[in-house]
């Protein structure tokens, strides 16, 4: 590993090992433009940053979700070009969709919950209530904070 200032940089073999990928895959992703080297070493080795490792994790996750490499590149280009404001708006929209999905799942569970004995229902809800309240408080805090000017 090399470093520039406080930044740790990985040579291709080190990055491949850290990401559990082959060096050939790292080469291919670099040629496609999915990842980019941060700089080059004195011996002309490509050096990749820790952010590249995070990008490789995102790529693997999206591949598991059955996205093509072309679709992944398009998404990553959008993410890299996004402004912080757009990023926050996208995340909030994503959270809203997740909350709607969870609401549907809870409604689907209602008949099963109604079929539980009172002791079982209390036990099940006792485990969920603190997490649900904490989540709602975090969202409320996030939405009521005054943004910096």
N, C-alpha and C. Protein backbone atom coordinates (compact mmCIF):
# COMPACT_ATOMS: atom_id res chain seq x y z
N UNK A 1 0.83 -1.18 0.00
CA UNK A 1 0.00 0.00 0.00
C UNK A 1 0.87 1.24 0.00
N UNK A 2 0.40 2.25 -0.68
CA UNK A 2 1.07 3.53 -0.74
C UNK A 2 0.18 4.55 -0.06
N UNK A 3 0.70 5.74 0.13
CA UNK A 3 -0.14 6.79 0.69
C UNK A 3 0.31 8.14 0.17
N UNK A 4 -0.67 9.01 0.02
CA UNK A 4 -0.42 10.40 -0.30
C UNK A 4 -1.08 11.19 0.82
N UNK A 5 -0.28 11.89 1.60
CA UNK A 5 -0.85 12.58 2.76
C UNK A 5 -1.45 11.56 3.70
N UNK A 6 -2.73 11.73 4.02
CA UNK A 6 -3.44 10.80 4.90
C UNK A 6 -4.17 9.72 4.11
N UNK A 7 -4.17 9.82 2.77
CA UNK A 7 -4.93 8.91 1.93
C UNK A 7 -4.14 7.62 1.68
N UNK A 8 -4.76 6.49 1.97
CA UNK A 8 -4.15 5.20 1.70
C UNK A 8 -4.55 4.81 0.28
N UNK A 9 -3.57 4.38 -0.50
CA UNK A 9 -3.83 3.98 -1.88
C UNK A 9 -3.46 2.52 -2.08
N UNK A 10 -4.25 1.83 -2.89
CA UNK A 10 -4.06 0.41 -3.14
C UNK A 10 -3.56 0.18 -4.57
N UNK A 11 -2.60 -0.71 -4.72
CA UNK A 11 -2.25 -1.16 -6.06
C UNK A 11 -3.33 -2.15 -6.47
N UNK A 12 -3.37 -2.48 -7.74
CA UNK A 12 -4.46 -3.29 -8.27
C UNK A 12 -4.62 -4.63 -7.54
N UNK A 13 -3.51 -5.30 -7.24
CA UNK A 13 -3.58 -6.58 -6.54
C UNK A 13 -4.14 -6.44 -5.13
N UNK A 14 -3.73 -5.38 -4.45
CA UNK A 14 -4.22 -5.13 -3.09
C UNK A 14 -5.70 -4.81 -3.10
N UNK A 15 -6.12 -4.00 -4.08
CA UNK A 15 -7.53 -3.65 -4.21
C UNK A 15 -8.36 -4.90 -4.53
N UNK A 16 -7.86 -5.71 -5.45
CA UNK A 16 -8.57 -6.93 -5.82
C UNK A 16 -8.75 -7.83 -4.60
N UNK A 17 -7.70 -7.99 -3.82
CA UNK A 17 -7.78 -8.83 -2.62
C UNK A 17 -8.77 -8.26 -1.61
N UNK A 18 -8.70 -6.95 -1.38
CA UNK A 18 -9.59 -6.30 -0.41
C UNK A 18 -11.05 -6.40 -0.84
N UNK A 19 -11.30 -6.37 -2.16
CA UNK A 19 -12.67 -6.42 -2.67
C UNK A 19 -13.12 -7.84 -3.02
N UNK A 20 -12.24 -8.81 -2.82
CA UNK A 20 -12.52 -10.21 -3.17
C UNK A 20 -12.90 -10.35 -4.65
N UNK A 21 -12.13 -9.69 -5.49
CA UNK A 21 -12.32 -9.75 -6.94
C UNK A 21 -10.98 -10.11 -7.58
N UNK A 22 -11.02 -10.43 -8.85
CA UNK A 22 -9.77 -10.71 -9.55
C UNK A 22 -9.17 -9.41 -10.07
N UNK A 23 -7.87 -9.43 -10.30
CA UNK A 23 -7.21 -8.26 -10.88
C UNK A 23 -7.78 -7.98 -12.27
N UNK A 24 -8.14 -9.03 -12.96
CA UNK A 24 -8.73 -8.88 -14.30
C UNK A 24 -10.05 -8.11 -14.22
N UNK A 25 -10.85 -8.39 -13.20
CA UNK A 25 -12.12 -7.68 -13.02
C UNK A 25 -11.85 -6.21 -12.73
N UNK A 26 -10.86 -5.92 -11.89
CA UNK A 26 -10.50 -4.52 -11.60
C UNK A 26 -10.08 -3.83 -12.89
N UNK A 27 -9.27 -4.50 -13.70
CA UNK A 27 -8.85 -3.95 -15.00
C UNK A 27 -10.07 -3.65 -15.88
N UNK A 28 -10.98 -4.61 -15.94
CA UNK A 28 -12.17 -4.48 -16.78
C UNK A 28 -13.03 -3.30 -16.31
N UNK A 29 -13.27 -3.22 -15.00
CA UNK A 29 -14.07 -2.12 -14.46
C UNK A 29 -13.39 -0.77 -14.72
N UNK A 30 -12.06 -0.74 -14.68
CA UNK A 30 -11.33 0.49 -14.96
C UNK A 30 -11.51 0.87 -16.43
N UNK A 31 -11.39 -0.11 -17.33
CA UNK A 31 -11.57 0.16 -18.76
C UNK A 31 -12.98 0.63 -19.07
N UNK A 32 -13.98 0.10 -18.36
CA UNK A 32 -15.37 0.52 -18.57
C UNK A 32 -15.65 1.90 -17.97
N UNK A 33 -14.78 2.35 -17.08
CA UNK A 33 -14.99 3.64 -16.44
C UNK A 33 -15.82 3.55 -15.17
N UNK A 34 -16.04 2.33 -14.68
CA UNK A 34 -16.78 2.17 -13.43
C UNK A 34 -15.95 2.66 -12.24
N UNK A 35 -14.65 2.46 -12.32
CA UNK A 35 -13.73 2.95 -11.29
C UNK A 35 -12.57 3.65 -11.99
N UNK A 36 -11.90 4.50 -11.25
CA UNK A 36 -10.78 5.24 -11.80
C UNK A 36 -9.63 5.24 -10.80
N UNK A 37 -8.40 5.09 -11.29
CA UNK A 37 -7.27 5.18 -10.36
C UNK A 37 -7.13 6.61 -9.84
N UNK A 38 -6.69 6.71 -8.61
CA UNK A 38 -6.47 8.01 -7.98
C UNK A 38 -5.21 8.67 -8.55
N UNK A 39 -4.20 7.85 -8.75
CA UNK A 39 -2.93 8.36 -9.28
C UNK A 39 -2.09 7.17 -9.75
N UNK A 40 -0.83 7.44 -10.03
CA UNK A 40 0.10 6.39 -10.43
C UNK A 40 1.32 6.45 -9.53
N UNK A 41 1.93 5.28 -9.31
CA UNK A 41 3.12 5.21 -8.48
C UNK A 41 4.35 5.60 -9.31
N UNK A 42 5.49 5.67 -8.65
CA UNK A 42 6.74 5.99 -9.34
C UNK A 42 7.04 4.92 -10.40
N UNK A 43 6.61 3.70 -10.17
CA UNK A 43 6.84 2.61 -11.14
C UNK A 43 5.66 2.47 -12.11
N UNK A 44 4.78 3.48 -12.12
CA UNK A 44 3.64 3.58 -13.02
C UNK A 44 2.51 2.59 -12.71
N UNK A 45 2.44 2.07 -11.47
CA UNK A 45 1.31 1.26 -11.06
C UNK A 45 0.11 2.16 -10.84
N UNK A 46 -1.07 1.67 -11.23
CA UNK A 46 -2.29 2.41 -10.92
C UNK A 46 -2.54 2.30 -9.42
N UNK A 47 -2.91 3.41 -8.81
CA UNK A 47 -3.20 3.44 -7.37
C UNK A 47 -4.65 3.86 -7.18
N UNK A 48 -5.36 3.07 -6.38
CA UNK A 48 -6.79 3.30 -6.15
C UNK A 48 -7.03 3.70 -4.69
N UNK A 49 -8.01 4.57 -4.48
CA UNK A 49 -8.31 5.06 -3.14
C UNK A 49 -9.30 4.13 -2.42
N UNK A 50 -9.50 4.42 -1.15
CA UNK A 50 -10.46 3.66 -0.34
C UNK A 50 -11.88 3.85 -0.89
N UNK A 51 -12.16 5.02 -1.49
CA UNK A 51 -13.47 5.27 -2.09
C UNK A 51 -13.73 4.28 -3.22
N UNK A 52 -12.67 3.88 -3.91
CA UNK A 52 -12.82 2.91 -4.99
C UNK A 52 -13.28 1.57 -4.42
N UNK A 53 -12.76 1.21 -3.26
CA UNK A 53 -13.19 -0.02 -2.61
C UNK A 53 -14.68 0.05 -2.29
N UNK A 54 -15.14 1.19 -1.79
CA UNK A 54 -16.57 1.37 -1.51
C UNK A 54 -17.38 1.29 -2.81
N UNK A 55 -16.86 1.86 -3.89
CA UNK A 55 -17.54 1.80 -5.18
C UNK A 55 -17.66 0.35 -5.65
N UNK A 56 -16.61 -0.44 -5.44
CA UNK A 56 -16.64 -1.85 -5.84
C UNK A 56 -17.69 -2.61 -5.03
N UNK A 57 -17.85 -2.27 -3.78
CA UNK A 57 -18.89 -2.90 -2.96
C UNK A 57 -20.27 -2.55 -3.51
N UNK A 58 -20.46 -1.27 -3.91
CA UNK A 58 -21.74 -0.85 -4.51
C UNK A 58 -21.98 -1.61 -5.82
N UNK A 59 -20.95 -1.72 -6.65
CA UNK A 59 -21.08 -2.42 -7.92
C UNK A 59 -21.50 -3.87 -7.68
N UNK A 60 -20.85 -4.55 -6.74
CA UNK A 60 -21.20 -5.94 -6.43
C UNK A 60 -22.64 -6.06 -5.94
N UNK A 61 -23.05 -5.11 -5.11
CA UNK A 61 -24.43 -5.14 -4.60
C UNK A 61 -25.42 -4.97 -5.75
N UNK A 62 -25.14 -4.03 -6.65
CA UNK A 62 -26.04 -3.80 -7.78
C UNK A 62 -26.04 -4.99 -8.74
N UNK A 63 -24.89 -5.63 -8.92
CA UNK A 63 -24.83 -6.83 -9.76
C UNK A 63 -25.70 -7.94 -9.16
N UNK A 64 -25.67 -8.08 -7.83
CA UNK A 64 -26.50 -9.09 -7.17
C UNK A 64 -27.98 -8.79 -7.33
N UNK A 65 -28.29 -7.49 -7.51
CA UNK A 65 -29.68 -7.08 -7.74
C UNK A 65 -30.04 -7.17 -9.22
N UNK A 66 -29.14 -7.78 -10.00
CA UNK A 66 -29.36 -8.09 -11.42
C UNK A 66 -29.29 -6.88 -12.35
N UNK A 67 -28.58 -5.82 -11.96
CA UNK A 67 -28.35 -4.70 -12.87
C UNK A 67 -27.19 -5.07 -13.80
N UNK A 68 -27.25 -4.58 -15.04
CA UNK A 68 -26.15 -4.80 -15.97
C UNK A 68 -25.03 -3.81 -15.65
N UNK A 69 -23.83 -4.08 -16.14
CA UNK A 69 -22.71 -3.16 -15.91
C UNK A 69 -22.99 -1.80 -16.55
N UNK A 70 -23.68 -1.80 -17.69
CA UNK A 70 -24.04 -0.54 -18.34
C UNK A 70 -24.99 0.27 -17.46
N UNK A 71 -25.99 -0.40 -16.87
CA UNK A 71 -26.93 0.28 -15.97
C UNK A 71 -26.20 0.79 -14.72
N UNK A 72 -25.28 -0.03 -14.21
CA UNK A 72 -24.51 0.36 -13.03
C UNK A 72 -23.67 1.59 -13.33
N UNK A 73 -23.02 1.61 -14.49
CA UNK A 73 -22.20 2.76 -14.87
C UNK A 73 -23.06 4.01 -14.94
N UNK A 74 -24.23 3.91 -15.54
CA UNK A 74 -25.15 5.04 -15.64
C UNK A 74 -25.55 5.56 -14.26
N UNK A 75 -25.88 4.62 -13.36
CA UNK A 75 -26.26 5.01 -11.99
C UNK A 75 -25.10 5.69 -11.27
N UNK A 76 -23.92 5.10 -11.40
CA UNK A 76 -22.76 5.65 -10.70
C UNK A 76 -22.38 7.03 -11.25
N UNK A 77 -22.53 7.22 -12.56
CA UNK A 77 -22.27 8.54 -13.15
C UNK A 77 -23.24 9.57 -12.56
N UNK A 78 -24.50 9.18 -12.41
CA UNK A 78 -25.50 10.10 -11.82
C UNK A 78 -25.15 10.40 -10.38
N UNK A 79 -24.77 9.36 -9.62
CA UNK A 79 -24.42 9.57 -8.20
C UNK A 79 -23.23 10.51 -8.07
N UNK A 80 -22.23 10.30 -8.94
CA UNK A 80 -21.03 11.13 -8.87
C UNK A 80 -21.30 12.57 -9.28
N UNK A 81 -22.30 12.78 -10.14
CA UNK A 81 -22.62 14.13 -10.60
C UNK A 81 -23.65 14.82 -9.70
N UNK A 82 -24.27 14.07 -8.81
CA UNK A 82 -25.34 14.62 -7.98
C UNK A 82 -24.80 15.65 -7.00
N UNK A 83 -25.58 16.70 -6.83
CA UNK A 83 -25.25 17.70 -5.82
C UNK A 83 -25.71 17.19 -4.47
N UNK A 84 -25.16 17.71 -3.39
CA UNK A 84 -25.62 17.25 -2.07
C UNK A 84 -27.13 17.42 -1.89
N UNK A 85 -27.69 18.50 -2.44
CA UNK A 85 -29.13 18.73 -2.30
C UNK A 85 -29.92 17.64 -3.03
N UNK A 86 -29.49 17.30 -4.24
CA UNK A 86 -30.16 16.25 -5.01
C UNK A 86 -30.00 14.91 -4.31
N UNK A 87 -28.83 14.68 -3.75
CA UNK A 87 -28.56 13.44 -3.04
C UNK A 87 -29.49 13.29 -1.85
N UNK A 88 -29.67 14.37 -1.08
CA UNK A 88 -30.56 14.33 0.08
C UNK A 88 -31.99 14.10 -0.37
N UNK A 89 -32.41 14.79 -1.43
CA UNK A 89 -33.78 14.61 -1.93
C UNK A 89 -34.00 13.17 -2.37
N UNK A 90 -33.02 12.61 -3.07
CA UNK A 90 -33.14 11.21 -3.51
C UNK A 90 -33.23 10.27 -2.32
N UNK A 91 -32.41 10.51 -1.31
CA UNK A 91 -32.42 9.64 -0.12
C UNK A 91 -33.76 9.75 0.61
N UNK A 92 -34.30 10.97 0.72
CA UNK A 92 -35.59 11.14 1.38
C UNK A 92 -36.70 10.44 0.60
N UNK A 93 -36.65 10.53 -0.72
CA UNK A 93 -37.65 9.84 -1.55
C UNK A 93 -37.52 8.34 -1.37
N UNK A 94 -36.29 7.86 -1.30
CA UNK A 94 -36.05 6.43 -1.09
C UNK A 94 -36.59 6.00 0.28
N UNK A 95 -36.36 6.82 1.30
CA UNK A 95 -36.89 6.51 2.63
C UNK A 95 -38.42 6.46 2.63
N UNK A 96 -39.03 7.40 1.91
CA UNK A 96 -40.49 7.42 1.84
C UNK A 96 -41.01 6.14 1.19
N UNK A 97 -40.36 5.68 0.13
CA UNK A 97 -40.77 4.43 -0.51
C UNK A 97 -40.60 3.24 0.43
N UNK A 98 -39.50 3.23 1.18
CA UNK A 98 -39.27 2.15 2.14
C UNK A 98 -40.34 2.17 3.23
N UNK A 99 -40.71 3.37 3.70
CA UNK A 99 -41.73 3.45 4.74
C UNK A 99 -43.07 2.97 4.21
N UNK A 100 -43.40 3.29 2.94
CA UNK A 100 -44.64 2.80 2.35
C UNK A 100 -44.63 1.27 2.24
N UNK A 101 -43.47 0.73 1.84
CA UNK A 101 -43.34 -0.73 1.75
C UNK A 101 -43.54 -1.37 3.12
N UNK A 102 -42.90 -0.78 4.14
CA UNK A 102 -43.04 -1.32 5.50
C UNK A 102 -44.49 -1.23 5.98
N UNK A 103 -45.16 -0.14 5.64
CA UNK A 103 -46.56 0.01 6.03
C UNK A 103 -47.41 -1.10 5.41
N UNK A 104 -47.16 -1.41 4.14
CA UNK A 104 -47.90 -2.50 3.48
C UNK A 104 -47.61 -3.84 4.17
N UNK A 105 -46.33 -4.05 4.52
CA UNK A 105 -45.96 -5.31 5.18
C UNK A 105 -46.62 -5.42 6.55
N UNK A 106 -46.69 -4.33 7.29
CA UNK A 106 -47.34 -4.34 8.61
C UNK A 106 -48.82 -4.65 8.45
N UNK A 107 -49.46 -4.04 7.45
CA UNK A 107 -50.88 -4.31 7.22
C UNK A 107 -51.11 -5.77 6.85
N UNK A 108 -50.17 -6.35 6.12
CA UNK A 108 -50.29 -7.77 5.77
C UNK A 108 -50.12 -8.66 7.00
N UNK A 109 -49.40 -8.17 8.00
CA UNK A 109 -49.19 -8.94 9.23
C UNK A 109 -50.36 -8.84 10.21
N UNK A 110 -51.22 -7.82 10.03
CA UNK A 110 -52.31 -7.59 10.98
C UNK A 110 -53.14 -8.83 11.27
N UNK A 111 -53.57 -9.59 10.25
CA UNK A 111 -54.37 -10.79 10.56
C UNK A 111 -53.61 -11.78 11.44
N UNK A 112 -52.31 -11.94 11.19
CA UNK A 112 -51.53 -12.87 12.02
C UNK A 112 -51.38 -12.35 13.44
N UNK A 113 -51.16 -11.04 13.56
CA UNK A 113 -51.03 -10.43 14.90
C UNK A 113 -52.33 -10.58 15.66
N UNK A 114 -53.45 -10.36 14.97
CA UNK A 114 -54.76 -10.50 15.62
C UNK A 114 -55.01 -11.94 16.07
N UNK A 115 -54.35 -12.91 15.42
CA UNK A 115 -54.51 -14.31 15.80
C UNK A 115 -53.64 -14.73 16.96
N UNK A 116 -52.71 -13.86 17.38
CA UNK A 116 -51.83 -14.20 18.50
C UNK A 116 -52.57 -14.08 19.83
N UNK A 117 -52.10 -14.84 20.79
CA UNK A 117 -52.62 -14.69 22.15
C UNK A 117 -52.10 -13.35 22.67
N UNK A 118 -52.81 -12.71 23.59
CA UNK A 118 -52.39 -11.39 24.09
C UNK A 118 -50.94 -11.35 24.59
N UNK A 119 -50.49 -12.38 25.28
CA UNK A 119 -49.12 -12.41 25.79
C UNK A 119 -48.12 -12.43 24.63
N UNK A 120 -48.42 -13.23 23.61
CA UNK A 120 -47.53 -13.31 22.45
C UNK A 120 -47.50 -11.97 21.70
N UNK A 121 -48.64 -11.35 21.53
CA UNK A 121 -48.71 -10.07 20.82
C UNK A 121 -47.93 -8.99 21.57
N UNK A 122 -48.08 -8.94 22.90
CA UNK A 122 -47.35 -7.95 23.71
C UNK A 122 -45.84 -8.16 23.56
N UNK A 123 -45.41 -9.42 23.60
CA UNK A 123 -43.99 -9.73 23.49
C UNK A 123 -43.44 -9.30 22.12
N UNK A 124 -44.19 -9.58 21.06
CA UNK A 124 -43.76 -9.22 19.70
C UNK A 124 -43.69 -7.70 19.55
N UNK A 125 -44.72 -7.02 20.04
CA UNK A 125 -44.75 -5.56 19.89
C UNK A 125 -43.73 -4.87 20.80
N UNK A 126 -43.46 -5.46 21.96
CA UNK A 126 -42.49 -4.86 22.88
C UNK A 126 -41.10 -4.78 22.24
N UNK A 127 -40.78 -5.73 21.40
CA UNK A 127 -39.48 -5.71 20.73
C UNK A 127 -39.45 -4.67 19.61
N UNK A 128 -40.57 -4.41 18.97
CA UNK A 128 -40.61 -3.49 17.84
C UNK A 128 -40.81 -2.03 18.23
N UNK A 129 -41.54 -1.78 19.29
CA UNK A 129 -41.90 -0.40 19.64
C UNK A 129 -40.69 0.49 19.87
N UNK A 130 -39.68 0.10 20.67
CA UNK A 130 -38.54 1.00 20.86
C UNK A 130 -37.82 1.34 19.55
N UNK A 131 -37.66 0.34 18.67
CA UNK A 131 -36.99 0.59 17.39
C UNK A 131 -37.82 1.52 16.52
N UNK A 132 -39.12 1.30 16.49
CA UNK A 132 -40.01 2.14 15.69
C UNK A 132 -40.03 3.57 16.18
N UNK A 133 -40.09 3.75 17.49
CA UNK A 133 -40.09 5.09 18.07
C UNK A 133 -38.76 5.79 17.78
N UNK A 134 -37.65 5.07 17.93
CA UNK A 134 -36.34 5.66 17.65
C UNK A 134 -36.24 6.09 16.18
N UNK A 135 -36.75 5.27 15.30
CA UNK A 135 -36.73 5.59 13.87
C UNK A 135 -37.58 6.84 13.59
N UNK A 136 -38.78 6.89 14.17
CA UNK A 136 -39.65 8.05 13.96
C UNK A 136 -39.02 9.32 14.53
N UNK A 137 -38.39 9.22 15.68
CA UNK A 137 -37.74 10.38 16.28
C UNK A 137 -36.57 10.87 15.41
N UNK A 138 -35.81 9.93 14.86
CA UNK A 138 -34.69 10.31 14.00
C UNK A 138 -35.19 11.02 12.75
N UNK A 139 -36.26 10.52 12.15
CA UNK A 139 -36.82 11.16 10.95
C UNK A 139 -37.39 12.53 11.31
N UNK A 140 -38.09 12.60 12.43
CA UNK A 140 -38.65 13.89 12.86
C UNK A 140 -37.55 14.91 13.09
N UNK A 141 -36.48 14.49 13.75
CA UNK A 141 -35.35 15.38 14.00
C UNK A 141 -34.73 15.84 12.69
N UNK A 142 -34.55 14.92 11.77
CA UNK A 142 -33.96 15.24 10.47
C UNK A 142 -34.83 16.24 9.71
N UNK A 143 -36.14 16.05 9.72
CA UNK A 143 -37.03 16.92 8.97
C UNK A 143 -37.28 18.26 9.63
N UNK A 144 -37.10 18.36 10.94
CA UNK A 144 -37.36 19.64 11.62
C UNK A 144 -36.12 20.48 11.81
N UNK A 145 -34.95 19.93 11.52
CA UNK A 145 -33.73 20.72 11.66
C UNK A 145 -33.74 21.83 10.61
N UNK A 146 -33.33 23.00 11.03
CA UNK A 146 -33.21 24.10 10.09
C UNK A 146 -31.93 23.90 9.30
N UNK A 147 -32.02 23.89 7.97
CA UNK A 147 -30.79 23.71 7.18
C UNK A 147 -29.89 24.92 7.31
N UNK A 148 -28.57 24.71 7.29
CA UNK A 148 -27.66 25.83 7.38
C UNK A 148 -27.79 26.74 6.18
N UNK A 149 -27.68 28.01 6.38
CA UNK A 149 -27.77 28.99 5.28
C UNK A 149 -26.41 29.40 4.82
